[in-house]
């Protein structure tokens, strides 16, 4: 009986999906959804790290939303692989174009 239990545990552990595999699948899904391509593996690792950090910030914020501490929810979007200052520069360029077209 003990052997059967140990064997069942080993099979379950071997077939379990690791946390890292889940994160990689989310990253691949993000890249596919937003047509993201990177120049080299180092940049991709850097962008993936930013994506994971932003994902964590979103989750923490949304926990606060669930508690009623903040009034809005956040969600991942196409800017999820950018640093805060990179997004700010992008936003400034958009505002400049809007003003030029007005």
Foldseek 3Di string as FASTA:
>chain_A
DVVVVVVVVVVCVVPDDDPVNVLVVVLVVLCVVLVDDDDDPVLSVLLSVQLVVLVVVQVVVVVCVVVVNDPDHDDDDNCSSDDPVVVVVVVVVVVVVVVVVD
